[in-house]
Amino acid sequence: MSFMDKINKLTLPTTILIASIILGGFYYATQISKQNSIERQQQVKIAQEQLEKENLEKILNDCLSSADWKYLSVFERISRISNPGQWENMPVSITSYNIMGDTSVEKQQNLKLWKNERDECFKK
């Protein structure tokens, strides 16, 4: 058996081995690309959900603030405008709704309206 016969016998297996390695590399690269794409899609979805949650919280807070502001007494409105830092993030209690000149029936009606308006915010 000559040297050329030995080389010819090894050529086919070597070619198959090299082709398999190349095809395996392409397959591996494709799988990595798919995985990265899936991870990016999940990150985008999480970011969108977070943004939607923040938007809903802002809408709810704006609605509640609007309802609270509507039923504050004139004195409390002036206090909140002149000292905004003092009132930031402070919940408004029902007892602070002291509207000057209201009779107790009017106060009760205003409290009921205030509660209804705040309840509507949670239904949206």
PDB file of N, CA and C in Angstrom:
ATOM      1  N   MET A   1       0.842  -1.169   0.000  1.00  0.00           N
ATOM      2  CA  MET A   1       0.000   0.000   0.000  1.00  0.00           C
ATOM      3  C   MET A   1       0.892   1.239   0.000  1.00  0.00           C
ATOM      4  N   SER A   2       0.623   2.091  -0.934  1.00  0.00           N
ATOM      5  CA  SER A   2       1.474   3.264  -1.062  1.00  0.00           C
ATOM      6  C   SER A   2       0.947   4.419  -0.199  1.00  0.00           C
ATOM      7  N   PHE A   3       1.747   5.414  -0.130  1.00  0.00           N
ATOM      8  CA  PHE A   3       1.412   6.607   0.658  1.00  0.00           C
ATOM      9  C   PHE A   3       0.146   7.281   0.123  1.00  0.00           C
ATOM     10  N   MET A   4      -0.023   7.333  -1.190  1.00  0.00           N
ATOM     11  CA  MET A   4      -1.189   7.967  -1.808  1.00  0.00           C
ATOM     12  C   MET A   4      -2.466   7.187  -1.498  1.00  0.00           C
ATOM     13  N   ASP A   5      -2.387   5.883  -1.405  1.00  0.00           N
ATOM     14  CA  ASP A   5      -3.557   5.085  -1.059  1.00  0.00           C
ATOM     15  C   ASP A   5      -4.008   5.372   0.367  1.00  0.00           C
ATOM     16  N   LYS A   6      -3.020   5.522   1.246  1.00  0.00           N
ATOM     17  CA  LYS A   6      -3.359   5.838   2.645  1.00  0.00           C
ATOM     18  C   LYS A   6      -4.040   7.211   2.736  1.00  0.00           C
ATOM     19  N   ILE A   7      -3.539   8.170   1.991  1.00  0.00           N
ATOM     20  CA  ILE A   7      -4.117   9.529   1.999  1.00  0.00           C
ATOM     21  C   ILE A   7      -5.534   9.493   1.431  1.00  0.00           C
ATOM     22  N   ASN A   8      -5.753   8.760   0.369  1.00  0.00           N
ATOM     23  CA  ASN A   8      -7.083   8.661  -0.239  1.00  0.00           C
ATOM     24  C   ASN A   8      -8.077   8.017   0.717  1.00  0.00           C
ATOM     25  N   LYS A   9      -7.617   7.034   1.502  1.00  0.00           N
ATOM     26  CA  LYS A   9      -8.507   6.390   2.474  1.00  0.00           C
ATOM     27  C   LYS A   9      -8.870   7.333   3.620  1.00  0.00           C
ATOM     28  N   LEU A  10      -7.994   8.247   3.981  1.00  0.00           N
ATOM     29  CA  LEU A  10      -8.245   9.188   5.078  1.00  0.00           C
ATOM     30  C   LEU A  10      -8.990  10.447   4.631  1.00  0.00           C
ATOM     31  N   THR A  11      -9.026  10.723   3.359  1.00  0.00           N
ATOM     32  CA  THR A  11      -9.646  11.944   2.850  1.00  0.00           C
ATOM     33  C   THR A  11     -11.147  11.984   3.147  1.00  0.00           C
ATOM     34  N   LEU A  12     -11.868  10.944   2.865  1.00  0.00           N
ATOM     35  CA  LEU A  12     -13.316  10.923   3.078  1.00  0.00           C
ATOM     36  C   LEU A  12     -13.672  11.072   4.563  1.00  0.00           C
ATOM     37  N   PRO A  13     -13.086  10.276   5.465  1.00  0.00           N
ATOM     38  CA  PRO A  13     -13.413  10.471   6.878  1.00  0.00           C
ATOM     39  C   PRO A  13     -13.029  11.861   7.399  1.00  0.00           C
ATOM     40  N   THR A  14     -11.907  12.364   6.931  1.00  0.00           N
ATOM     41  CA  THR A  14     -11.471  13.698   7.363  1.00  0.00           C
ATOM     42  C   THR A  14     -12.462  14.752   6.870  1.00  0.00           C
ATOM     43  N   THR A  15     -12.903  14.626   5.645  1.00  0.00           N
ATOM     44  CA  THR A  15     -13.872  15.573   5.077  1.00  0.00           C
ATOM     45  C   THR A  15     -15.187  15.518   5.866  1.00  0.00           C
ATOM     46  N   ILE A  16     -15.639  14.306   6.173  1.00  0.00           N
ATOM     47  CA  ILE A  16     -16.874  14.151   6.947  1.00  0.00           C
ATOM     48  C   ILE A  16     -16.718  14.770   8.333  1.00  0.00           C
ATOM     49  N   LEU A  17     -15.571  14.536   8.971  1.00  0.00           N
ATOM     50  CA  LEU A  17     -15.317  15.095  10.301  1.00  0.00           C
ATOM     51  C   LEU A  17     -15.310  16.620  10.274  1.00  0.00           C
ATOM     52  N   ILE A  18     -14.630  17.206   9.320  1.00  0.00           N
ATOM     53  CA  ILE A  18     -14.555  18.677   9.212  1.00  0.00           C
ATOM     54  C   ILE A  18     -15.942  19.252   8.915  1.00  0.00           C
ATOM     55  N   ALA A  19     -16.693  18.609   8.009  1.00  0.00           N
ATOM     56  CA  ALA A  19     -18.044  19.085   7.689  1.00  0.00           C
ATOM     57  C   ALA A  19     -18.946  19.002   8.916  1.00  0.00           C
ATOM     58  N   SER A  20     -18.820  17.929   9.697  1.00  0.00           N
ATOM     59  CA  SER A  20     -19.629  17.780  10.917  1.00  0.00           C
ATOM     60  C   SER A  20     -19.303  18.871  11.925  1.00  0.00           C
ATOM     61  N   ILE A  21     -18.020  19.160  12.076  1.00  0.00           N
ATOM     62  CA  ILE A  21     -17.617  20.225  13.011  1.00  0.00           C
ATOM     63  C   ILE A  21     -18.180  21.571  12.556  1.00  0.00           C
ATOM     64  N   ILE A  22     -18.107  21.856  11.272  1.00  0.00           N
ATOM     65  CA  ILE A  22     -18.626  23.130  10.751  1.00  0.00           C
ATOM     66  C   ILE A  22     -20.138  23.208  10.938  1.00  0.00           C
ATOM     67  N   LEU A  23     -20.849  22.133  10.584  1.00  0.00           N
ATOM     68  CA  LEU A  23     -22.303  22.132  10.762  1.00  0.00           C
ATOM     69  C   LEU A  23     -22.683  22.238  12.240  1.00  0.00           C
ATOM     70  N   GLY A  24     -21.950  21.559  13.102  1.00  0.00           N
ATOM     71  CA  GLY A  24     -22.204  21.660  14.545  1.00  0.00           C
ATOM     72  C   GLY A  24     -21.990  23.069  15.055  1.00  0.00           C
ATOM     73  N   GLY A  25     -20.956  23.719  14.552  1.00  0.00           N
ATOM     74  CA  GLY A  25     -20.700  25.111  14.942  1.00  0.00           C
ATOM     75  C   GLY A  25     -21.831  26.035  14.529  1.00  0.00           C
ATOM     76  N   PHE A  26     -22.332  25.852  13.298  1.00  0.00           N
ATOM     77  CA  PHE A  26     -23.468  26.660  12.844  1.00  0.00           C
ATOM     78  C   PHE A  26     -24.716  26.386  13.684  1.00  0.00           C
ATOM     79  N   TYR A  27     -24.962  25.132  13.996  1.00  0.00           N
ATOM     80  CA  TYR A  27     -26.119  24.777  14.808  1.00  0.00           C
ATOM     81  C   TYR A  27     -26.008  25.404  16.196  1.00  0.00           C
ATOM     82  N   TYR A  28     -24.820  25.338  16.803  1.00  0.00           N
ATOM     83  CA  TYR A  28     -24.590  25.920  18.124  1.00  0.00           C
ATOM     84  C   TYR A  28     -24.808  27.436  18.081  1.00  0.00           C
ATOM     85  N   ALA A  29     -24.263  28.078  17.050  1.00  0.00           N
ATOM     86  CA  ALA A  29     -24.418  29.540  16.917  1.00  0.00           C
ATOM     87  C   ALA A  29     -25.897  29.913  16.764  1.00  0.00           C
ATOM     88  N   THR A  30     -26.654  29.112  16.027  1.00  0.00           N
ATOM     89  CA  THR A  30     -28.089  29.368  15.855  1.00  0.00           C
ATOM     90  C   THR A  30     -28.829  29.253  17.180  1.00  0.00           C
ATOM     91  N   GLN A  31     -28.506  28.236  17.956  1.00  0.00           N
ATOM     92  CA  GLN A  31     -29.163  28.043  19.249  1.00  0.00           C
ATOM     93  C   GLN A  31     -28.840  29.188  20.211  1.00  0.00           C
ATOM     94  N   ILE A  32     -27.590  29.634  20.225  1.00  0.00           N
ATOM     95  CA  ILE A  32     -27.200  30.770  21.078  1.00  0.00           C
ATOM     96  C   ILE A  32     -27.960  32.024  20.651  1.00  0.00           C
ATOM     97  N   SER A  33     -28.081  32.235  19.350  1.00  0.00           N
ATOM     98  CA  SER A  33     -28.807  33.400  18.834  1.00  0.00           C
ATOM     99  C   SER A  33     -30.276  33.353  19.256  1.00  0.00           C
ATOM    100  N   LYS A  34     -30.898  32.170  19.169  1.00  0.00           N
ATOM    101  CA  LYS A  34     -32.290  32.023  19.592  1.00  0.00           C
ATOM    102  C   LYS A  34     -32.445  32.337  21.073  1.00  0.00           C
ATOM    103  N   GLN A  35     -31.532  31.807  21.885  1.00  0.00           N
ATOM    104  CA  GLN A  35     -31.598  32.035  23.329  1.00  0.00           C
ATOM    105  C   GLN A  35     -31.476  33.520  23.656  1.00  0.00           C
ATOM    106  N   ASN A  36     -30.544  34.195  22.997  1.00  0.00           N
ATOM    107  CA  ASN A  36     -30.374  35.640  23.235  1.00  0.00           C
ATOM    108  C   ASN A  36     -31.613  36.414  22.821  1.00  0.00           C
ATOM    109  N   SER A  37     -32.224  36.002  21.719  1.00  0.00           N
ATOM    110  CA  SER A  37     -33.444  36.662  21.249  1.00  0.00           C
ATOM    111  C   SER A  37     -34.580  36.482  22.251  1.00  0.00           C
ATOM    112  N   ILE A  38     -34.722  35.273  22.767  1.00  0.00           N
ATOM    113  CA  ILE A  38     -35.772  34.999  23.761  1.00  0.00           C
ATOM    114  C   ILE A  38     -35.544  35.835  25.014  1.00  0.00           C
ATOM    115  N   GLU A  39     -34.292  35.923  25.462  1.00  0.00           N
ATOM    116  CA  GLU A  39     -33.983  36.714  26.662  1.00  0.00           C
ATOM    117  C   GLU A  39     -34.290  38.186  26.440  1.00  0.00           C
ATOM    118  N   ARG A  40     -33.962  38.715  25.254  1.00  0.00           N
ATOM    119  CA  ARG A  40     -34.268  40.122  24.953  1.00  0.00           C
ATOM    120  C   ARG A  40     -35.772  40.361  24.953  1.00  0.00           C
ATOM    121  N   GLN A  41     -36.534  39.426  24.371  1.00  0.00           N
ATOM    122  CA  GLN A  41     -37.986  39.565  24.349  1.00  0.00           C
ATOM    123  C   GLN A  41     -38.560  39.558  25.759  1.00  0.00           C
ATOM    124  N   GLN A  42     -38.018  38.717  26.624  1.00  0.00           N
ATOM    125  CA  GLN A  42     -38.486  38.671  28.010  1.00  0.00           C
ATOM    126  C   GLN A  42     -38.157  39.968  28.728  1.00  0.00           C
ATOM    127  N   GLN A  43     -36.972  40.526  28.488  1.00  0.00           N
ATOM    128  CA  GLN A  43     -36.599  41.787  29.126  1.00  0.00           C
ATOM    129  C   GLN A  43     -37.505  42.921  28.664  1.00  0.00           C
ATOM    130  N   VAL A  44     -37.829  42.939  27.374  1.00  0.00           N
ATOM    131  CA  VAL A  44     -38.724  43.971  26.838  1.00  0.00           C
ATOM    132  C   VAL A  44     -40.103  43.824  27.461  1.00  0.00           C
ATOM    133  N   LYS A  45     -40.583  42.590  27.572  1.00  0.00           N
ATOM    134  CA  LYS A  45     -41.900  42.343  28.160  1.00  0.00           C
ATOM    135  C   LYS A  45     -41.937  42.794  29.614  1.00  0.00           C
ATOM    136  N   ILE A  46     -40.892  42.486  30.375  1.00  0.00           N
ATOM    137  CA  ILE A  46     -40.827  42.899  31.785  1.00  0.00           C
ATOM    138  C   ILE A  46     -40.811  44.417  31.889  1.00  0.00           C
ATOM    139  N   ALA A  47     -40.031  45.064  31.020  1.00  0.00           N
ATOM    140  CA  ALA A  47     -39.963  46.531  31.037  1.00  0.00           C
ATOM    141  C   ALA A  47     -41.322  47.141  30.698  1.00  0.00           C
ATOM    142  N   GLN A  48     -42.028  46.559  29.729  1.00  0.00           N
ATOM    143  CA  GLN A  48     -43.350  47.069  29.363  1.00  0.00           C
ATOM    144  C   GLN A  48     -44.342  46.888  30.506  1.00  0.00           C
ATOM    145  N   GLU A  49     -44.293  45.737  31.160  1.00  0.00           N
ATOM    146  CA  GLU A  49     -45.196  45.498  32.292  1.00  0.00           C
ATOM    147  C   GLU A  49     -44.911  46.477  33.429  1.00  0.00           C
ATOM    148  N   GLN A  50     -43.630  46.740  33.694  1.00  0.00           N
ATOM    149  CA  GLN A  50     -43.253  47.680  34.746  1.00  0.00           C
ATOM    150  C   GLN A  50     -43.748  49.090  34.406  1.00  0.00           C
ATOM    151  N   LEU A  51     -43.576  49.484  33.148  1.00  0.00           N
ATOM    152  CA  LEU A  51     -44.028  50.810  32.716  1.00  0.00           C
ATOM    153  C   LEU A  51     -45.552  50.919  32.823  1.00  0.00           C
ATOM    154  N   GLU A  52     -46.250  49.857  32.425  1.00  0.00           N
ATOM    155  CA  GLU A  52     -47.708  49.854  32.524  1.00  0.00           C
ATOM    156  C   GLU A  52     -48.152  49.945  33.981  1.00  0.00           C
ATOM    157  N   LYS A  53     -47.471  49.225  34.862  1.00  0.00           N
ATOM    158  CA  LYS A  53     -47.798  49.268  36.289  1.00  0.00           C
ATOM    159  C   LYS A  53     -47.573  50.668  36.851  1.00  0.00           C
ATOM    160  N   GLU A  54     -46.446  51.292  36.484  1.00  0.00           N
ATOM    161  CA  GLU A  54     -46.162  52.650  36.952  1.00  0.00           C
ATOM    162  C   GLU A  54     -47.205  53.633  36.434  1.00  0.00           C
ATOM    163  N   ASN A  55     -47.616  53.461  35.173  1.00  0.00           N
ATOM    164  CA  ASN A  55     -48.645  54.352  34.605  1.00  0.00           C
ATOM    165  C   ASN A  55     -49.977  54.190  35.329  1.00  0.00           C
ATOM    166  N   LEU A  56     -50.353  52.944  35.621  1.00  0.00           N
ATOM    167  CA  LEU A  56     -51.606  52.714  36.349  1.00  0.00           C
ATOM    168  C   LEU A  56     -51.553  53.303  37.756  1.00  0.00           C
ATOM    169  N   GLU A  57     -50.395  53.165  38.419  1.00  0.00           N
ATOM    170  CA  GLU A  57     -50.245  53.747  39.753  1.00  0.00           C
ATOM    171  C   GLU A  57     -50.347  55.264  39.695  1.00  0.00           C
ATOM    172  N   LYS A  58     -49.743  55.868  38.665  1.00  0.00           N
ATOM    173  CA  LYS A  58     -49.801  57.320  38.524  1.00  0.00           C
ATOM    174  C   LYS A  58     -51.241  57.780  38.276  1.00  0.00           C
ATOM    175  N   ILE A  59     -51.951  57.056  37.422  1.00  0.00           N
ATOM    176  CA  ILE A  59     -53.349  57.409  37.143  1.00  0.00           C
ATOM    177  C   ILE A  59     -54.182  57.316  38.417  1.00  0.00           C
ATOM    178  N   LEU A  60     -53.983  56.245  39.184  1.00  0.00           N
ATOM    179  CA  LEU A  60     -54.727  56.083  40.438  1.00  0.00           C
ATOM    180  C   LEU A  60     -54.381  57.198  41.421  1.00  0.00           C
ATOM    181  N   ASN A  61     -53.090  57.485  41.582  1.00  0.00           N
ATOM    182  CA  ASN A  61     -52.679  58.544  42.510  1.00  0.00           C
ATOM    183  C   ASN A  61     -53.218  59.908  42.082  1.00  0.00           C
ATOM    184  N   ASP A  62     -53.210  60.177  40.773  1.00  0.00           N
ATOM    185  CA  ASP A  62     -53.762  61.446  40.279  1.00  0.00           C
ATOM    186  C   ASP A  62     -55.259  61.529  40.566  1.00  0.00           C
ATOM    187  N   CYS A  63     -55.944  60.429  40.365  1.00  0.00           N
ATOM    188  CA  CYS A  63     -57.391  60.401  40.616  1.00  0.00           C
ATOM    189  C   CYS A  63     -57.679  60.633  42.109  1.00  0.00           C
ATOM    190  N   LEU A  64     -56.929  59.932  42.962  1.00  0.00           N
ATOM    191  CA  LEU A  64     -57.133  60.093  44.407  1.00  0.00           C
ATOM    192  C   LEU A  64     -56.788  61.505  44.862  1.00  0.00           C
ATOM    193  N   SER A  65     -55.698  62.054  44.322  1.00  0.00           N
ATOM    194  CA  SER A  65     -55.311  63.423  44.686  1.00  0.00           C
ATOM    195  C   SER A  65     -56.373  64.419  44.254  1.00  0.00           C
ATOM    196  N   SER A  66     -56.920  64.200  43.076  1.00  0.00           N
ATOM    197  CA  SER A  66     -57.969  65.085  42.580  1.00  0.00           C
ATOM    198  C   SER A  66     -59.197  65.022  43.489  1.00  0.00           C
ATOM    199  N   ALA A  67     -59.580  63.823  43.891  1.00  0.00           N
ATOM    200  CA  ALA A  67     -60.730  63.675  44.790  1.00  0.00           C
ATOM    201  C   ALA A  67     -60.439  64.322  46.136  1.00  0.00           C
ATOM    202  N   ASP A  68     -59.224  64.123  46.652  1.00  0.00           N
ATOM    203  CA  ASP A  68     -58.864  64.722  47.939  1.00  0.00           C
ATOM    204  C   ASP A  68     -58.872  66.237  47.856  1.00  0.00           C
ATOM    205  N   TRP A  69     -58.276  66.774  46.795  1.00  0.00           N
ATOM    206  CA  TRP A  69     -58.147  68.225  46.646  1.00  0.00           C
ATOM    207  C   TRP A  69     -59.516  68.880  46.539  1.00  0.00           C
ATOM    208  N   LYS A  70     -60.424  68.207  45.878  1.00  0.00           N
ATOM    209  CA  LYS A  70     -61.757  68.760  45.651  1.00  0.00           C
ATOM    210  C   LYS A  70     -62.486  69.035  46.971  1.00  0.00           C
ATOM    211  N   TYR A  71     -62.235  68.207  47.972  1.00  0.00           N
ATOM    212  CA  TYR A  71     -62.994  68.311  49.212  1.00  0.00           C
ATOM    213  C   TYR A  71     -62.183  68.878  50.379  1.00  0.00           C
ATOM    214  N   LEU A  72     -61.001  69.400  50.090  1.00  0.00           N
ATOM    215  CA  LEU A  72     -60.228  70.053  51.147  1.00  0.00           C
ATOM    216  C   LEU A  72     -60.820  71.420  51.463  1.00  0.00           C
ATOM    217  N   SER A  73     -60.659  71.845  52.684  1.00  0.00           N
ATOM    218  CA  SER A  73     -61.109  73.189  53.041  1.00  0.00           C
ATOM    219  C   SER A  73     -60.181  74.220  52.404  1.00  0.00           C
ATOM    220  N   VAL A  74     -60.658  75.436  52.323  1.00  0.00           N
ATOM    221  CA  VAL A  74     -59.865  76.513  51.739  1.00  0.00           C
ATOM    222  C   VAL A  74     -58.563  76.677  52.514  1.00  0.00           C
ATOM    223  N   PHE A  75     -58.626  76.614  53.831  1.00  0.00           N
ATOM    224  CA  PHE A  75     -57.442  76.772  54.662  1.00  0.00           C
ATOM    225  C   PHE A  75     -56.399  75.696  54.332  1.00  0.00           C
ATOM    226  N   GLU A  76     -56.847  74.458  54.205  1.00  0.00           N
ATOM    227  CA  GLU A  76     -55.908  73.376  53.921  1.00  0.00           C
ATOM    228  C   GLU A  76     -55.311  73.511  52.524  1.00  0.00           C
ATOM    229  N   ARG A  77     -56.089  74.006  51.568  1.00  0.00           N
ATOM    230  CA  ARG A  77     -55.559  74.215  50.221  1.00  0.00           C
ATOM    231  C   ARG A  77     -54.440  75.258  50.248  1.00  0.00           C
ATOM    232  N   ILE A  78     -54.670  76.341  50.961  1.00  0.00           N
ATOM    233  CA  ILE A  78     -53.653  77.394  51.057  1.00  0.00           C
ATOM    234  C   ILE A  78     -52.404  76.843  51.744  1.00  0.00           C
ATOM    235  N   SER A  79     -52.579  76.066  52.814  1.00  0.00           N
ATOM    236  CA  SER A  79     -51.436  75.476  53.515  1.00  0.00           C
ATOM    237  C   SER A  79     -50.641  74.562  52.600  1.00  0.00           C
ATOM    238  N   ARG A  80     -51.323  73.763  51.826  1.00  0.00           N
ATOM    239  CA  ARG A  80     -50.633  72.821  50.947  1.00  0.00           C
ATOM    240  C   ARG A  80     -49.910  73.532  49.814  1.00  0.00           C
ATOM    241  N   ILE A  81     -50.478  74.629  49.329  1.00  0.00           N
ATOM    242  CA  ILE A  81     -49.822  75.373  48.253  1.00  0.00           C
ATOM    243  C   ILE A  81     -48.609  76.119  48.792  1.00  0.00           C
ATOM    244  N   SER A  82     -48.730  76.729  49.973  1.00  0.00           N
ATOM    245  CA  SER A  82     -47.622  77.519  50.513  1.00  0.00           C
ATOM    246  C   SER A  82     -46.513  76.662  51.112  1.00  0.00           C
ATOM    247  N   ASN A  83     -46.808  75.441  51.556  1.00  0.00           N
ATOM    248  CA  ASN A  83     -45.799  74.539  52.130  1.00  0.00           C
ATOM    249  C   ASN A  83     -45.873  73.163  51.454  1.00  0.00           C
ATOM    250  N   PRO A  84     -45.524  73.082  50.158  1.00  0.00           N
ATOM    251  CA  PRO A  84     -45.735  71.823  49.443  1.00  0.00           C
ATOM    252  C   PRO A  84     -44.907  70.659  49.991  1.00  0.00           C
ATOM    253  N   GLY A  85     -43.701  70.902  50.452  1.00  0.00           N
ATOM    254  CA  GLY A  85     -42.856  69.828  50.962  1.00  0.00           C
ATOM    255  C   GLY A  85     -43.421  69.181  52.209  1.00  0.00           C
ATOM    256  N   GLN A  86     -44.103  69.966  53.011  1.00  0.00           N
ATOM    257  CA  GLN A  86     -44.658  69.471  54.268  1.00  0.00           C
ATOM    258  C   GLN A  86     -45.760  68.447  54.020  1.00  0.00           C
ATOM    259  N   TRP A  87     -46.483  68.608  52.924  1.00  0.00           N
ATOM    260  CA  TRP A  87     -47.650  67.760  52.664  1.00  0.00           C
ATOM    261  C   TRP A  87     -47.362  66.628  51.703  1.00  0.00           C
ATOM    262  N   GLU A  88     -46.158  66.598  51.179  1.00  0.00           N
ATOM    263  CA  GLU A  88     -45.828  65.584  50.184  1.00  0.00           C
ATOM    264  C   GLU A  88     -45.963  64.177  50.771  1.00  0.00           C
ATOM    265  N   ASN A  89     -46.624  63.311  50.049  1.00  0.00           N
ATOM    266  CA  ASN A  89     -46.806  61.903  50.437  1.00  0.00           C
ATOM    267  C   ASN A  89     -47.553  61.724  51.757  1.00  0.00           C
ATOM    268  N   MET A  90     -48.259  62.735  52.212  1.00  0.00           N
ATOM    269  CA  MET A  90     -49.011  62.605  53.459  1.00  0.00           C
ATOM    270  C   MET A  90     -50.462  62.320  53.122  1.00  0.00           C
ATOM    271  N   PRO A  91     -50.994  61.216  53.603  1.00  0.00           N
ATOM    272  CA  PRO A  91     -52.395  60.908  53.295  1.00  0.00           C
ATOM    273  C   PRO A  91     -53.329  61.916  53.954  1.00  0.00           C
ATOM    274  N   VAL A  92     -54.439  62.133  53.316  1.00  0.00           N
ATOM    275  CA  VAL A  92     -55.430  63.068  53.845  1.00  0.00           C
ATOM    276  C   VAL A  92     -56.430  62.263  54.672  1.00  0.00           C
ATOM    277  N   SER A  93     -56.620  62.679  55.894  1.00  0.00           N
ATOM    278  CA  SER A  93     -57.559  61.949  56.747  1.00  0.00           C
ATOM    279  C   SER A  93     -58.950  62.554  56.612  1.00  0.00           C
ATOM    280  N   ILE A  94     -59.940  61.737  56.865  1.00  0.00           N
ATOM    281  CA  ILE A  94     -61.325  62.197  56.750  1.00  0.00           C
ATOM    282  C   ILE A  94     -61.602  63.316  57.751  1.00  0.00           C
ATOM    283  N   THR A  95     -60.975  63.275  58.898  1.00  0.00           N
ATOM    284  CA  THR A  95     -61.233  64.298  59.916  1.00  0.00           C
ATOM    285  C   THR A  95     -60.707  65.666  59.492  1.00  0.00           C
ATOM    286  N   SER A  96     -59.799  65.714  58.501  1.00  0.00           N
ATOM    287  CA  SER A  96     -59.264  67.013  58.088  1.00  0.00           C
ATOM    288  C   SER A  96     -60.198  67.750  57.142  1.00  0.00           C
ATOM    289  N   TYR A  97     -61.293  67.122  56.742  1.00  0.00           N
ATOM    290  CA  TYR A  97     -62.224  67.783  55.847  1.00  0.00           C
ATOM    291  C   TYR A  97     -63.163  68.666  56.651  1.00  0.00           C
ATOM    292  N   ASN A  98     -62.693  69.851  56.901  1.00  0.00           N
ATOM    293  CA  ASN A  98     -63.422  70.808  57.720  1.00  0.00           C
ATOM    294  C   ASN A  98     -63.780  71.991  56.828  1.00  0.00           C
ATOM    295  N   ILE A  99     -64.869  71.907  56.137  1.00  0.00           N
ATOM    296  CA  ILE A  99     -65.251  72.950  55.202  1.00  0.00           C
ATOM    297  C   ILE A  99     -66.048  74.007  55.958  1.00  0.00           C
ATOM    298  N   MET A 100     -65.523  75.237  55.935  1.00  0.00           N
ATOM    299  CA  MET A 100     -66.113  76.319  56.718  1.00  0.00           C
ATOM    300  C   MET A 100     -67.547  76.586  56.296  1.00  0.00           C
ATOM    301  N   GLY A 101     -68.401  76.773  57.267  1.00  0.00           N
ATOM    302  CA  GLY A 101     -69.788  77.118  57.006  1.00  0.00           C
ATOM    303  C   GLY A 101     -70.683  75.931  56.750  1.00  0.00           C
ATOM    304  N   ASP A 102     -70.103  74.734  56.700  1.00  0.00           N
ATOM    305  CA  ASP A 102     -70.937  73.557  56.450  1.00  0.00           C
ATOM    306  C   ASP A 102     -71.688  73.177  57.708  1.00  0.00           C
ATOM    307  N   THR A 103     -72.919  72.785  57.526  1.00  0.00           N
ATOM    308  CA  THR A 103     -73.643  72.179  58.635  1.00  0.00           C
ATOM    309  C   THR A 103     -73.221  70.716  58.680  1.00  0.00           C
ATOM    310  N   SER A 104     -73.565  70.037  59.717  1.00  0.00           N
ATOM    311  CA  SER A 104     -73.150  68.644  59.826  1.00  0.00           C
ATOM    312  C   SER A 104     -73.750  67.797  58.701  1.00  0.00           C
ATOM    313  N   VAL A 105     -74.947  68.139  58.220  1.00  0.00           N
ATOM    314  CA  VAL A 105     -75.544  67.392  57.108  1.00  0.00           C
ATOM    315  C   VAL A 105     -74.714  67.601  55.848  1.00  0.00           C
ATOM    316  N   GLU A 106     -74.302  68.845  55.619  1.00  0.00           N
ATOM    317  CA  GLU A 106     -73.479  69.140  54.444  1.00  0.00           C
ATOM    318  C   GLU A 106     -72.126  68.439  54.536  1.00  0.00           C
ATOM    319  N   LYS A 107     -71.543  68.424  55.724  1.00  0.00           N
ATOM    320  CA  LYS A 107     -70.262  67.737  55.908  1.00  0.00           C
ATOM    321  C   LYS A 107     -70.420  66.253  55.600  1.00  0.00           C
ATOM    322  N   GLN A 108     -71.497  65.663  56.097  1.00  0.00           N
ATOM    323  CA  GLN A 108     -71.727  64.242  55.847  1.00  0.00           C
ATOM    324  C   GLN A 108     -71.914  63.983  54.347  1.00  0.00           C
ATOM    325  N   GLN A 109     -72.610  64.884  53.672  1.00  0.00           N
ATOM    326  CA  GLN A 109     -72.793  64.717  52.229  1.00  0.00           C
ATOM    327  C   GLN A 109     -71.462  64.840  51.498  1.00  0.00           C
ATOM    328  N   ASN A 110     -70.655  65.824  51.923  1.00  0.00           N
ATOM    329  CA  ASN A 110     -69.339  65.999  51.297  1.00  0.00           C
ATOM    330  C   ASN A 110     -68.449  64.780  51.553  1.00  0.00           C
ATOM    331  N   LEU A 111     -68.501  64.251  52.767  1.00  0.00           N
ATOM    332  CA  LEU A 111     -67.713  63.058  53.068  1.00  0.00           C
ATOM    333  C   LEU A 111     -68.162  61.873  52.215  1.00  0.00           C
ATOM    334  N   LYS A 112     -69.483  61.759  52.047  1.00  0.00           N
ATOM    335  CA  LYS A 112     -70.016  60.663  51.235  1.00  0.00           C
ATOM    336  C   LYS A 112     -69.590  60.837  49.777  1.00  0.00           C
ATOM    337  N   LEU A 113     -69.660  62.075  49.265  1.00  0.00           N
ATOM    338  CA  LEU A 113     -69.219  62.345  47.896  1.00  0.00           C
ATOM    339  C   LEU A 113     -67.731  62.047  47.728  1.00  0.00           C
ATOM    340  N   TRP A 114     -66.950  62.462  48.731  1.00  0.00           N
ATOM    341  CA  TRP A 114     -65.500  62.225  48.703  1.00  0.00           C
ATOM    342  C   TRP A 114     -65.201  60.730  48.668  1.00  0.00           C
ATOM    343  N   LYS A 115     -65.867  59.973  49.539  1.00  0.00           N
ATOM    344  CA  LYS A 115     -65.655  58.521  49.569  1.00  0.00           C
ATOM    345  C   LYS A 115     -66.074  57.884  48.254  1.00  0.00           C
ATOM    346  N   ASN A 116     -67.196  58.308  47.701  1.00  0.00           N
ATOM    347  CA  ASN A 116     -67.659  57.757  46.421  1.00  0.00           C
ATOM    348  C   ASN A 116     -66.675  58.061  45.299  1.00  0.00           C
ATOM    349  N   GLU A 117     -66.172  59.288  45.287  1.00  0.00           N
ATOM    350  CA  GLU A 117     -65.232  59.665  44.229  1.00  0.00           C
ATOM    351  C   GLU A 117     -63.931  58.871  44.346  1.00  0.00           C
ATOM    352  N   ARG A 118     -63.454  58.659  45.574  1.00  0.00           N
ATOM    353  CA  ARG A 118     -62.249  57.850  45.777  1.00  0.00           C
ATOM    354  C   ARG A 118     -62.503  56.389  45.386  1.00  0.00           C
ATOM    355  N   ASP A 119     -63.688  55.888  45.701  1.00  0.00           N
ATOM    356  CA  ASP A 119     -64.029  54.509  45.308  1.00  0.00           C
ATOM    357  C   ASP A 119     -64.041  54.350  43.789  1.00  0.00           C
ATOM    358  N   GLU A 120     -64.514  55.383  43.081  1.00  0.00           N
ATOM    359  CA  GLU A 120     -64.536  55.352  41.620  1.00  0.00           C
ATOM    360  C   GLU A 120     -63.130  55.246  41.048  1.00  0.00           C
ATOM    361  N   CYS A 121     -62.164  55.835  41.735  1.00  0.00           N
ATOM    362  CA  CYS A 121     -60.773  55.760  41.266  1.00  0.00           C
ATOM    363  C   CYS A 121     -60.297  54.308  41.216  1.00  0.00           C
ATOM    364  N   PHE A 122     -60.707  53.512  42.171  1.00  0.00           N
ATOM    365  CA  PHE A 122     -60.260  52.110  42.233  1.00  0.00           C
ATOM    366  C   PHE A 122     -60.983  51.234  41.217  1.00  0.00           C
ATOM    367  N   LYS A 123     -62.126  51.710  40.715  1.00  0.00           N
ATOM    368  CA  LYS A 123     -62.877  50.935  39.745  1.00  0.00           C
ATOM    369  C   LYS A 123     -62.318  51.101  38.339  1.00  0.00           C
ATOM    370  N   LYS A 124     -61.559  52.173  38.113  1.00  0.00           N
ATOM    371  CA  LYS A 124     -61.042  52.460  36.763  1.00  0.00           C
ATOM    372  C   LYS A 124     -59.966  51.488  36.383  1.00  0.00           C
TER     373      LYS A 124
END
